[in-house]
Every structure is written in C-alpha cells, then in structure tokens.
Amino acid sequence: RVGETLERVQEAASLLNRTQLAGYLTVPQAYLSMTRRSVYVDKIDPSHQDARRFITPQRSKYLFIYPFWKTHDWYMLPMAERQAMMDEHIVTGNKYPSVKIHTSYAFGLDDPEFVLAFESDSPRDFLDLVLELREAKARPYTLRDIPIFTCVLKPFAEILKDLGA
C-alpha cells in the first residue's frame, strides 16, 4: 500500500479487515517506511529530490520489494567515501532504465533500515541490475537484504478469483 499519511495506510488495512476476505488472509511480513530526501542523490541531481519524496507507481508488470540493512561500519565511514560508493550504485542503476526504483526509509518505524520497491516490465533487467550491484564496493556494508518479494500486477477482480472469491 502506498499512502500520503500513515492514517490512510491504516484506513486501507481497516477496510480490508472488515471484508469476508480478511478471514483468509495472514500478514507474515509487513514493511512500514517513508520517503525522504536522499543525502546521496541530492549531491548528483538536486532537481530529482522532490520527485523522489513521492511514490508514484508506474503500473509496471512486476514489483520487487527489497528490504535491507546497512552495517554499523557503513555509518562510521566518512561521508565522502559513502557518497563515492552510492555514486557507483546510481551509475549502475542508470544502466537499467527499464527498472524504476522507489526508495523509502524505515529507521525507527520498522525492522529494516530501507525498503526499496523496484518496478519493471522485465524481471531479467532487474536480475541483471541486482547481480551487477552485488559486485559494487558498497556490497560488504549490506548486513541483510531479505526477504525479497516478487509481485505480478493483476486486476483486483483477477486477484479475488485467484483467492477463490
């Protein structure tokens, strides 16, 4: 769910819980996070900062939800070193224009530090992007990045049919 306020997200959950479908649903995993200005992207292209503060789904066929945590050592690095490593990530990401990233922050709101949502019509492009990022200099500073969820866009009526409703 994407909402402008925490109350709107909670309201959507409450509405779902009032349906007959709710008795068949479980929530084994949930991530709560917010958008904010990036200290890394702001240095490269400040014009994108306001756009990054709002998640606007593109309705791509696939959505990949990707939580992650950085190590304590990451935060102890000088900002210039972290910026250089993030610049490498940004350059790599730009090589895959078919993959759109939505970055959100969960510090203090939920277990992960970050929750990324990648949209694409090509799972192969997403896989290639993640594979390339595994070789980036920042990779040793990733403490954990699971569980990842892969979602396929479907009309709501089709989802209900899949659930037997």
Protein backbone atom coordinates (compact mmCIF):
# COMPACT_ATOMS: atom_id res chain seq x y z
CA ARG A 1 0.00 0.00 0.00
CA VAL A 2 1.13 3.50 -0.74
CA GLY A 3 -0.42 6.42 1.09
CA GLU A 4 0.31 10.04 1.78
CA THR A 5 -0.16 9.55 5.53
CA LEU A 6 0.13 6.70 7.99
CA GLU A 7 -3.57 7.16 8.76
CA ARG A 8 -4.51 6.49 5.12
CA VAL A 9 -2.45 3.29 5.09
CA GLN A 10 -4.10 2.21 8.35
CA GLU A 11 -7.54 3.06 6.98
CA ALA A 12 -6.96 0.83 3.94
CA ALA A 13 -5.93 -2.04 6.22
CA SER A 14 -9.00 -1.49 8.40
CA LEU A 15 -11.31 -1.55 5.39
CA LEU A 16 -9.78 -4.82 4.20
CA ASN A 17 -10.14 -6.30 7.69
CA ARG A 18 -13.91 -5.63 7.54
CA THR A 19 -14.36 -7.83 4.46
CA GLN A 20 -15.11 -11.55 4.34
CA LEU A 21 -11.77 -12.00 2.62
CA ALA A 22 -9.94 -10.91 5.79
CA GLY A 23 -10.58 -14.25 7.48
CA TYR A 24 -8.49 -15.96 4.82
CA LEU A 25 -5.55 -13.56 4.92
CA THR A 26 -2.43 -13.55 7.03
CA VAL A 27 0.33 -10.98 7.23
CA PRO A 28 3.56 -12.94 7.58
CA GLN A 29 5.65 -9.89 6.68
CA ALA A 30 4.94 -6.18 6.51
CA TYR A 31 7.23 -3.22 5.94
CA LEU A 32 6.46 0.33 7.02
CA SER A 33 8.63 3.08 5.59
CA MET A 34 8.55 6.67 4.37
CA THR A 35 10.11 8.65 1.60
CA ARG A 36 12.51 11.48 2.31
CA ARG A 37 15.23 13.43 0.56
CA SER A 38 18.33 11.38 -0.20
CA VAL A 39 21.63 12.72 1.07
CA TYR A 40 23.35 10.91 -1.82
CA VAL A 41 21.20 11.77 -4.82
CA ASP A 42 20.92 15.42 -3.76
CA LYS A 43 24.64 15.82 -4.46
CA ILE A 44 24.30 14.49 -8.01
CA ASP A 45 20.96 15.88 -9.18
CA PRO A 46 19.03 18.10 -6.75
CA SER A 47 16.19 18.51 -9.28
CA HIS A 48 15.04 14.92 -8.66
CA GLN A 49 14.72 15.34 -4.90
CA ASP A 50 11.12 16.46 -4.75
CA ALA A 51 10.03 13.76 -7.19
CA ARG A 52 11.73 11.07 -5.05
CA ARG A 53 9.72 12.12 -2.00
CA PHE A 54 6.51 10.79 -3.54
CA ILE A 55 5.99 7.27 -4.76
CA THR A 56 4.01 7.21 -7.97
CA PRO A 57 3.57 3.61 -9.14
CA GLN A 58 4.18 3.19 -12.86
CA ARG A 59 1.92 0.14 -13.16
CA SER A 60 4.77 -1.99 -14.42
CA LYS A 61 4.08 -5.70 -14.75
CA TYR A 62 6.45 -6.61 -11.90
CA LEU A 63 7.18 -5.14 -8.49
CA PHE A 64 10.11 -6.29 -6.38
CA ILE A 65 10.05 -5.36 -2.68
CA TYR A 66 13.56 -5.32 -1.32
CA PRO A 67 14.31 -4.53 2.35
CA PHE A 68 17.83 -4.01 3.56
CA TRP A 69 20.03 -3.08 6.46
CA LYS A 70 23.46 -1.45 6.35
CA THR A 71 26.25 -2.42 8.74
CA HIS A 72 27.35 -0.21 11.62
CA ASP A 73 30.68 0.24 9.80
CA TRP A 74 28.85 1.93 6.89
CA TYR A 75 27.72 4.76 9.12
CA MET A 76 31.22 5.18 10.52
CA LEU A 77 32.70 5.85 7.05
CA PRO A 78 33.35 9.47 6.09
CA MET A 79 30.51 10.93 4.03
CA ALA A 80 32.80 11.35 1.00
CA GLU A 81 33.51 7.58 0.94
CA ARG A 82 29.84 6.70 1.26
CA GLN A 83 28.98 9.21 -1.46
CA ALA A 84 31.54 7.65 -3.84
CA MET A 85 30.05 4.20 -3.29
CA MET A 86 26.50 5.48 -3.75
CA ASP A 87 27.57 7.27 -6.92
CA GLU A 88 28.65 3.87 -8.24
CA HIS A 89 25.17 2.50 -7.38
CA ILE A 90 23.46 5.39 -9.14
CA VAL A 91 25.59 4.98 -12.29
CA THR A 92 24.86 1.25 -12.30
CA GLY A 93 21.13 1.82 -11.81
CA ASN A 94 21.06 4.27 -14.71
CA LYS A 95 22.30 1.49 -17.00
CA TYR A 96 18.91 -0.20 -16.50
CA PRO A 97 16.31 2.43 -17.49
CA SER A 98 13.58 -0.21 -17.61
CA VAL A 99 13.88 -0.59 -13.82
CA LYS A 100 12.40 2.22 -11.72
CA ILE A 101 13.40 2.47 -8.07
CA HIS A 102 11.35 3.81 -5.19
CA THR A 103 13.49 4.33 -2.08
CA SER A 104 11.89 4.58 1.34
CA TYR A 105 13.33 4.75 4.83
CA ALA A 106 12.19 2.66 7.79
CA PHE A 107 14.58 3.80 10.57
CA GLY A 108 12.64 3.51 13.82
CA LEU A 109 9.37 2.71 12.02
CA ASP A 110 10.03 -0.95 11.22
CA ASP A 111 12.77 -3.57 11.27
CA PRO A 112 14.61 -2.76 8.01
CA GLU A 113 16.52 0.48 7.58
CA PHE A 114 15.38 0.86 3.97
CA VAL A 115 12.63 -0.62 1.84
CA LEU A 116 13.20 -0.41 -1.89
CA ALA A 117 10.50 -1.09 -4.43
CA PHE A 118 11.68 -1.74 -7.97
CA GLU A 119 9.23 -1.69 -10.86
CA SER A 120 9.92 -3.20 -14.25
CA ASP A 121 8.31 -5.00 -17.14
CA SER A 122 11.48 -7.11 -17.36
CA PRO A 123 12.46 -9.43 -14.49
CA ARG A 124 15.69 -10.13 -16.43
CA ASP A 125 16.71 -6.45 -16.26
CA PHE A 126 16.05 -6.41 -12.52
CA LEU A 127 18.05 -9.61 -12.03
CA ASP A 128 20.95 -8.19 -14.07
CA LEU A 129 20.87 -4.95 -12.05
CA VAL A 130 20.96 -6.78 -8.72
CA LEU A 131 23.69 -9.11 -9.96
CA GLU A 132 25.83 -6.15 -11.03
CA LEU A 133 25.25 -4.38 -7.72
CA ARG A 134 26.48 -7.49 -5.87
CA GLU A 135 29.96 -6.56 -7.18
CA ALA A 136 29.77 -2.91 -6.07
CA LYS A 137 32.18 -1.55 -3.47
CA ALA A 138 29.28 -0.86 -1.08
CA ARG A 139 28.15 -4.52 -1.01
CA PRO A 140 30.22 -5.53 2.06
CA TYR A 141 28.31 -2.87 4.01
CA THR A 142 24.96 -4.58 3.43
CA LEU A 143 24.13 -6.52 6.56
CA ARG A 144 20.94 -8.18 5.30
CA ASP A 145 18.60 -7.85 2.33
CA ILE A 146 15.88 -10.48 2.73
CA PRO A 147 13.09 -11.45 2.43
CA ILE A 148 12.54 -10.07 -1.06
CA PHE A 149 9.06 -10.26 -2.57
CA THR A 150 8.33 -10.54 -6.28
CA CYS A 151 4.85 -9.41 -7.28
CA VAL A 152 2.96 -9.58 -10.57
CA LEU A 153 0.46 -6.85 -11.44
CA LYS A 154 -3.09 -8.15 -11.82
CA PRO A 155 -6.52 -6.52 -11.83
CA PHE A 156 -8.17 -6.74 -8.40
CA ALA A 157 -11.01 -8.91 -9.76
CA GLU A 158 -8.45 -11.43 -11.01
CA ILE A 159 -6.72 -11.48 -7.62
CA LEU A 160 -10.04 -12.21 -5.92
CA LYS A 161 -10.69 -15.00 -8.40
CA ASP A 162 -7.23 -16.47 -7.67
CA LEU A 163 -8.13 -16.45 -3.98
CA GLY A 164 -11.35 -18.36 -4.68
CA ALA A 165 -13.68 -15.43 -4.04
